[in-house]
Amino acid sequence: MGFTYDRTIHFSETDAAGVVYFANVLTLCHEAYEASLAASGISVRSFFSGQNIAVPIVHAEVDFFSPMFCGDLITIELTPHLLKPSEFEIRYQLMQDSKSVGKALTRHVCIATKTRTRIELSEQLQCWVDRFR
């Protein structure tokens, strides 16, 4: 089962039309990703320090079904999927009042920071994928 994250839309995340600026949707999704890592017991500070491994996003996409406005309470449901031993994607559903307002996808590759070459997901990250898929 996936991970759910509740979030209120802030004014600073909207554009001149008063709706969430398109690029900020990925920021919201990444915030949910970080919360899911922490919920799995992964130290976000250590994870994003890039000391031994890094997990950059190599692809991202967003689809909008309905506008999101300042003050709206949304729920982001994320589900990770292992694609290769070194690669996974996260599918996000953005919901408001049980109605889908958007979806997003990010694809990540695990690399060794010193050589910048692909490596298998760490055991900790593999456990995170298994927990929330």
C-alpha atoms as a PDB file:
ATOM      1  CA  MET A   1       0.000   0.000   0.000  1.00  0.00           C
ATOM      2  CA  GLY A   2       1.251   3.475  -0.847  1.00  0.00           C
ATOM      3  CA  PHE A   3       2.102   6.378   1.401  1.00  0.00           C
ATOM      4  CA  THR A   4      -0.294   9.294   1.908  1.00  0.00           C
ATOM      5  CA  TYR A   5       0.677  12.846   2.755  1.00  0.00           C
ATOM      6  CA  ASP A   6      -1.738  15.655   3.575  1.00  0.00           C
ATOM      7  CA  ARG A   7      -0.773  19.181   2.627  1.00  0.00           C
ATOM      8  CA  THR A   8      -2.352  22.640   2.487  1.00  0.00           C
ATOM      9  CA  ILE A   9      -1.556  24.752  -0.575  1.00  0.00           C
ATOM     10  CA  HIS A  10       0.254  27.994   0.324  1.00  0.00           C
ATOM     11  CA  PHE A  11      -0.112  31.362  -1.414  1.00  0.00           C
ATOM     12  CA  SER A  12       3.569  31.333  -2.386  1.00  0.00           C
ATOM     13  CA  GLU A  13       2.935  28.180  -4.463  1.00  0.00           C
ATOM     14  CA  THR A  14       0.368  29.866  -6.706  1.00  0.00           C
ATOM     15  CA  ASP A  15       0.765  31.935  -9.845  1.00  0.00           C
ATOM     16  CA  ALA A  16      -0.837  35.213 -10.977  1.00  0.00           C
ATOM     17  CA  ALA A  17      -4.044  33.326 -11.820  1.00  0.00           C
ATOM     18  CA  GLY A  18      -4.269  32.114  -8.219  1.00  0.00           C
ATOM     19  CA  VAL A  19      -3.659  28.431  -8.969  1.00  0.00           C
ATOM     20  CA  VAL A  20      -0.688  26.250  -8.105  1.00  0.00           C
ATOM     21  CA  TYR A  21       2.200  27.082 -10.420  1.00  0.00           C
ATOM     22  CA  PHE A  22       2.926  23.985 -12.528  1.00  0.00           C
ATOM     23  CA  ALA A  23       6.524  23.480 -11.353  1.00  0.00           C
ATOM     24  CA  ASN A  24       5.458  23.625  -7.716  1.00  0.00           C
ATOM     25  CA  VAL A  25       3.509  20.394  -8.116  1.00  0.00           C
ATOM     26  CA  LEU A  26       6.814  18.543  -8.375  1.00  0.00           C
ATOM     27  CA  THR A  27       8.000  20.341  -5.236  1.00  0.00           C
ATOM     28  CA  LEU A  28       4.871  19.134  -3.415  1.00  0.00           C
ATOM     29  CA  CYS A  29       5.468  15.591  -4.650  1.00  0.00           C
ATOM     30  CA  HIS A  30       9.102  15.699  -3.559  1.00  0.00           C
ATOM     31  CA  GLU A  31       7.967  16.874  -0.126  1.00  0.00           C
ATOM     32  CA  ALA A  32       5.726  13.785   0.091  1.00  0.00           C
ATOM     33  CA  TYR A  33       8.670  11.620  -1.033  1.00  0.00           C
ATOM     34  CA  GLU A  34      10.823  13.025   1.775  1.00  0.00           C
ATOM     35  CA  ALA A  35       8.031  12.392   4.302  1.00  0.00           C
ATOM     36  CA  SER A  36       7.716   8.789   3.120  1.00  0.00           C
ATOM     37  CA  LEU A  37      11.453   8.225   3.539  1.00  0.00           C
ATOM     38  CA  ALA A  38      11.306   9.613   7.082  1.00  0.00           C
ATOM     39  CA  ALA A  39       8.248   7.451   7.857  1.00  0.00           C
ATOM     40  CA  SER A  40      10.354   4.426   6.868  1.00  0.00           C
ATOM     41  CA  GLY A  41      13.059   5.351   9.343  1.00  0.00           C
ATOM     42  CA  ILE A  42      15.435   6.773   6.743  1.00  0.00           C
ATOM     43  CA  SER A  43      17.337   9.835   7.926  1.00  0.00           C
ATOM     44  CA  VAL A  44      16.483  12.436   5.297  1.00  0.00           C
ATOM     45  CA  ARG A  45      19.538  14.465   6.252  1.00  0.00           C
ATOM     46  CA  SER A  46      21.867  11.519   5.632  1.00  0.00           C
ATOM     47  CA  PHE A  47      19.978  10.339   2.552  1.00  0.00           C
ATOM     48  CA  PHE A  48      20.270  13.658   0.755  1.00  0.00           C
ATOM     49  CA  SER A  49      23.845  14.357   1.851  1.00  0.00           C
ATOM     50  CA  GLY A  50      25.148  12.358  -1.103  1.00  0.00           C
ATOM     51  CA  GLN A  51      28.119  10.964   0.787  1.00  0.00           C
ATOM     52  CA  ASN A  52      28.106   7.489  -0.791  1.00  0.00           C
ATOM     53  CA  ILE A  53      25.077   7.291  -3.016  1.00  0.00           C
ATOM     54  CA  ALA A  54      22.826   9.740  -4.785  1.00  0.00           C
ATOM     55  CA  VAL A  55      19.402   9.125  -6.264  1.00  0.00           C
ATOM     56  CA  PRO A  56      18.858  11.829  -8.888  1.00  0.00           C
ATOM     57  CA  ILE A  57      15.608  12.273 -10.766  1.00  0.00           C
ATOM     58  CA  VAL A  58      16.158  11.491 -14.443  1.00  0.00           C
ATOM     59  CA  HIS A  59      12.568  11.955 -15.646  1.00  0.00           C
ATOM     60  CA  ALA A  60       9.492  13.803 -14.392  1.00  0.00           C
ATOM     61  CA  GLU A  61       5.988  14.413 -15.677  1.00  0.00           C
ATOM     62  CA  VAL A  62       2.808  16.021 -14.371  1.00  0.00           C
ATOM     63  CA  ASP A  63      -0.812  15.959 -15.524  1.00  0.00           C
ATOM     64  CA  PHE A  64      -3.431  18.378 -14.200  1.00  0.00           C
ATOM     65  CA  PHE A  65      -7.134  17.543 -13.961  1.00  0.00           C
ATOM     66  CA  SER A  66      -8.393  20.425 -11.841  1.00  0.00           C
ATOM     67  CA  PRO A  67      -6.856  23.626 -10.433  1.00  0.00           C
ATOM     68  CA  MET A  68      -5.506  23.781  -6.880  1.00  0.00           C
ATOM     69  CA  PHE A  69      -5.897  27.061  -4.978  1.00  0.00           C
ATOM     70  CA  CYS A  70      -4.344  28.651  -1.901  1.00  0.00           C
ATOM     71  CA  GLY A  71      -5.890  27.098   1.198  1.00  0.00           C
ATOM     72  CA  ASP A  72      -6.895  23.836  -0.492  1.00  0.00           C
ATOM     73  CA  LEU A  73      -6.140  20.714   1.516  1.00  0.00           C
ATOM     74  CA  ILE A  74      -4.753  18.027  -0.761  1.00  0.00           C
ATOM     75  CA  THR A  75      -3.645  14.475  -0.193  1.00  0.00           C
ATOM     76  CA  ILE A  76      -0.694  13.135  -2.119  1.00  0.00           C
ATOM     77  CA  GLU A  77      -0.653   9.371  -2.483  1.00  0.00           C
ATOM     78  CA  LEU A  78       2.682   7.996  -3.633  1.00  0.00           C
ATOM     79  CA  THR A  79       3.623   4.523  -4.738  1.00  0.00           C
ATOM     80  CA  PRO A  80       7.194   3.540  -5.639  1.00  0.00           C
ATOM     81  CA  HIS A  81       7.893   0.852  -8.252  1.00  0.00           C
ATOM     82  CA  LEU A  82      11.222  -0.890  -8.827  1.00  0.00           C
ATOM     83  CA  LEU A  83      12.144  -0.788 -12.531  1.00  0.00           C
ATOM     84  CA  LYS A  84      15.692  -2.200 -12.375  1.00  0.00           C
ATOM     85  CA  PRO A  85      18.000  -3.015  -9.454  1.00  0.00           C
ATOM     86  CA  SER A  86      19.364   0.538  -9.805  1.00  0.00           C
ATOM     87  CA  GLU A  87      16.190   2.373 -10.861  1.00  0.00           C
ATOM     88  CA  PHE A  88      12.722   3.114  -9.511  1.00  0.00           C
ATOM     89  CA  GLU A  89       9.840   5.408 -10.229  1.00  0.00           C
ATOM     90  CA  ILE A  90       7.312   7.045  -7.959  1.00  0.00           C
ATOM     91  CA  ARG A  91       3.727   7.519  -9.078  1.00  0.00           C
ATOM     92  CA  TYR A  92       1.839  10.296  -7.343  1.00  0.00           C
ATOM     93  CA  GLN A  93      -1.914  10.919  -7.180  1.00  0.00           C
ATOM     94  CA  LEU A  94      -2.971  14.356  -5.967  1.00  0.00           C
ATOM     95  CA  MET A  95      -6.436  14.274  -4.415  1.00  0.00           C
ATOM     96  CA  GLN A  96      -8.814  16.859  -2.999  1.00  0.00           C
ATOM     97  CA  ASP A  97     -12.013  15.712  -1.313  1.00  0.00           C
ATOM     98  CA  SER A  98     -11.511  12.214  -2.795  1.00  0.00           C
ATOM     99  CA  LYS A  99     -11.319  13.704  -6.313  1.00  0.00           C
ATOM    100  CA  SER A 100      -8.190  13.394  -8.432  1.00  0.00           C
ATOM    101  CA  VAL A 101      -6.807  16.848  -9.234  1.00  0.00           C
ATOM    102  CA  GLY A 102      -3.559  15.678 -10.791  1.00  0.00           C
ATOM    103  CA  LYS A 103      -0.937  13.004 -11.117  1.00  0.00           C
ATOM    104  CA  ALA A 104       2.821  12.994 -11.406  1.00  0.00           C
ATOM    105  CA  LEU A 105       5.681  10.607 -11.941  1.00  0.00           C
ATOM    106  CA  THR A 106       9.372  10.835 -11.112  1.00  0.00           C
ATOM    107  CA  ARG A 107      12.006   8.320 -12.202  1.00  0.00           C
ATOM    108  CA  HIS A 108      15.148   7.946 -10.085  1.00  0.00           C
ATOM    109  CA  VAL A 109      18.505   6.246 -10.653  1.00  0.00           C
ATOM    110  CA  CYS A 110      20.802   5.166  -7.835  1.00  0.00           C
ATOM    111  CA  ILE A 111      24.444   6.085  -8.436  1.00  0.00           C
ATOM    112  CA  ALA A 112      27.741   5.992  -6.557  1.00  0.00           C
ATOM    113  CA  THR A 113      28.651   9.614  -5.869  1.00  0.00           C
ATOM    114  CA  LYS A 114      32.387   9.211  -6.526  1.00  0.00           C
ATOM    115  CA  THR A 115      32.163   7.380  -9.864  1.00  0.00           C
ATOM    116  CA  ARG A 116      28.714   8.633 -10.954  1.00  0.00           C
ATOM    117  CA  THR A 117      27.931   5.080 -12.134  1.00  0.00           C
ATOM    118  CA  ARG A 118      24.762   3.127 -11.488  1.00  0.00           C
ATOM    119  CA  ILE A 119      24.612   0.893  -8.446  1.00  0.00           C
ATOM    120  CA  GLU A 120      21.868  -1.194  -6.891  1.00  0.00           C
ATOM    121  CA  LEU A 121      19.527   0.451  -4.423  1.00  0.00           C
ATOM    122  CA  SER A 122      20.721   0.282  -0.842  1.00  0.00           C
ATOM    123  CA  GLU A 123      18.995  -2.225   1.424  1.00  0.00           C
ATOM    124  CA  GLN A 124      17.316   0.651   3.244  1.00  0.00           C
ATOM    125  CA  LEU A 125      15.935   2.113   0.016  1.00  0.00           C
ATOM    126  CA  GLN A 126      14.832  -1.306  -1.209  1.00  0.00           C
ATOM    127  CA  CYS A 127      12.905  -1.758   2.067  1.00  0.00           C
ATOM    128  CA  TRP A 128      11.237   1.639   1.459  1.00  0.00           C
ATOM    129  CA  VAL A 129      10.140   0.523  -2.036  1.00  0.00           C
ATOM    130  CA  ASP A 130       8.810  -2.771  -0.663  1.00  0.00           C
ATOM    131  CA  ARG A 131       6.946  -1.058   2.164  1.00  0.00           C
ATOM    132  CA  PHE A 132       5.001   1.425   0.057  1.00  0.00           C
ATOM    133  CA  ARG A 133       4.454  -0.348  -3.277  1.00  0.00           C
END
